[in-house]
Amino acid sequence: MTQRMDAVVIGGGQAGLAAGCHLRRLGIEYVVLDAHPAPGARRGTWPTTSTAGPSSTR
């Protein structure tokens, strides 16, 4: 079976899922491709995010 998509999002992490959300809001057909079986699977692999950016709670 072949299905045509308007966009392909590479990576199902936080940024890839956010991109998919925006594409859906725009009515664009898309698919998210990721090496992991579950979306956002790498999310819990970092030991800490306290220095990741302006949203840190330090």
C-alpha atoms as a PDB file:
ATOM      1  CA  MET A   1       0.000   0.000   0.000  1.00  0.00           C
ATOM      2  CA  THR A   2       1.307   3.423  -0.940  1.00  0.00           C
ATOM      3  CA  GLN A   3       0.047   6.566   0.733  1.00  0.00           C
ATOM      4  CA  ARG A   4       1.063  10.080  -0.300  1.00  0.00           C
ATOM      5  CA  MET A   5       1.963  12.622   2.386  1.00  0.00           C
ATOM      6  CA  ASP A   6       2.666  16.337   2.052  1.00  0.00           C
ATOM      7  CA  ALA A   7       5.358  16.296   4.765  1.00  0.00           C
ATOM      8  CA  VAL A   8       7.660  13.865   6.528  1.00  0.00           C
ATOM      9  CA  VAL A   9       8.846  14.636  10.067  1.00  0.00           C
ATOM     10  CA  ILE A  10      12.092  12.852  10.925  1.00  0.00           C
ATOM     11  CA  GLY A  11      12.234  12.056  14.639  1.00  0.00           C
ATOM     12  CA  GLY A  12       9.427  11.481  17.111  1.00  0.00           C
ATOM     13  CA  GLY A  13      10.953  13.377  20.006  1.00  0.00           C
ATOM     14  CA  GLN A  14       9.611  16.571  21.512  1.00  0.00           C
ATOM     15  CA  ALA A  15      10.415  18.746  18.484  1.00  0.00           C
ATOM     16  CA  GLY A  16       9.098  16.186  15.986  1.00  0.00           C
ATOM     17  CA  LEU A  17       5.818  15.793  17.862  1.00  0.00           C
ATOM     18  CA  ALA A  18       5.467  19.582  18.098  1.00  0.00           C
ATOM     19  CA  ALA A  19       6.063  19.844  14.344  1.00  0.00           C
ATOM     20  CA  GLY A  20       3.356  17.242  13.775  1.00  0.00           C
ATOM     21  CA  CYS A  21       0.964  19.209  15.962  1.00  0.00           C
ATOM     22  CA  HIS A  22       1.532  22.375  13.926  1.00  0.00           C
ATOM     23  CA  LEU A  23       1.185  20.495  10.630  1.00  0.00           C
ATOM     24  CA  ARG A  24      -2.134  19.015  11.784  1.00  0.00           C
ATOM     25  CA  ARG A  25      -3.424  22.472  12.770  1.00  0.00           C
ATOM     26  CA  LEU A  26      -2.566  23.655   9.258  1.00  0.00           C
ATOM     27  CA  GLY A  27      -4.399  20.690   7.710  1.00  0.00           C
ATOM     28  CA  ILE A  28      -1.223  19.243   6.180  1.00  0.00           C
ATOM     29  CA  GLU A  29      -0.983  15.461   5.708  1.00  0.00           C
ATOM     30  CA  TYR A  30       2.186  14.190   7.414  1.00  0.00           C
ATOM     31  CA  VAL A  31       3.914  11.170   8.866  1.00  0.00           C
ATOM     32  CA  VAL A  32       6.414  11.027  11.750  1.00  0.00           C
ATOM     33  CA  LEU A  33       9.305   8.584  11.297  1.00  0.00           C
ATOM     34  CA  ASP A  34      11.410   7.538  14.283  1.00  0.00           C
ATOM     35  CA  ALA A  35      13.782   4.700  15.138  1.00  0.00           C
ATOM     36  CA  HIS A  36      12.007   4.056  18.452  1.00  0.00           C
ATOM     37  CA  PRO A  37       8.698   2.182  18.611  1.00  0.00           C
ATOM     38  CA  ALA A  38       6.970   4.732  20.889  1.00  0.00           C
ATOM     39  CA  PRO A  39       6.643   8.482  20.277  1.00  0.00           C
ATOM     40  CA  GLY A  40       8.850  10.606  22.513  1.00  0.00           C
ATOM     41  CA  ALA A  41      10.798   7.483  23.562  1.00  0.00           C
ATOM     42  CA  ARG A  42      14.075   9.339  24.154  1.00  0.00           C
ATOM     43  CA  ARG A  43      12.437  11.936  26.370  1.00  0.00           C
ATOM     44  CA  GLY A  44      13.481  10.260  29.617  1.00  0.00           C
ATOM     45  CA  THR A  45      17.082   9.486  28.675  1.00  0.00           C
ATOM     46  CA  TRP A  46      18.698  12.752  29.822  1.00  0.00           C
ATOM     47  CA  PRO A  47      19.926  12.740  33.429  1.00  0.00           C
ATOM     48  CA  THR A  48      18.719  16.317  34.001  1.00  0.00           C
ATOM     49  CA  THR A  49      17.202  19.211  32.128  1.00  0.00           C
ATOM     50  CA  SER A  50      17.815  21.860  34.788  1.00  0.00           C
ATOM     51  CA  THR A  51      20.358  23.671  32.567  1.00  0.00           C
ATOM     52  CA  ALA A  52      18.570  23.100  29.260  1.00  0.00           C
ATOM     53  CA  GLY A  53      17.404  26.640  28.743  1.00  0.00           C
ATOM     54  CA  PRO A  54      15.314  29.573  29.892  1.00  0.00           C
ATOM     55  CA  SER A  55      12.557  27.359  31.308  1.00  0.00           C
ATOM     56  CA  SER A  56      14.860  25.809  33.920  1.00  0.00           C
ATOM     57  CA  THR A  57      13.732  26.107  37.529  1.00  0.00           C
ATOM     58  CA  ARG A  58      17.096  26.761  39.143  1.00  0.00           C
END
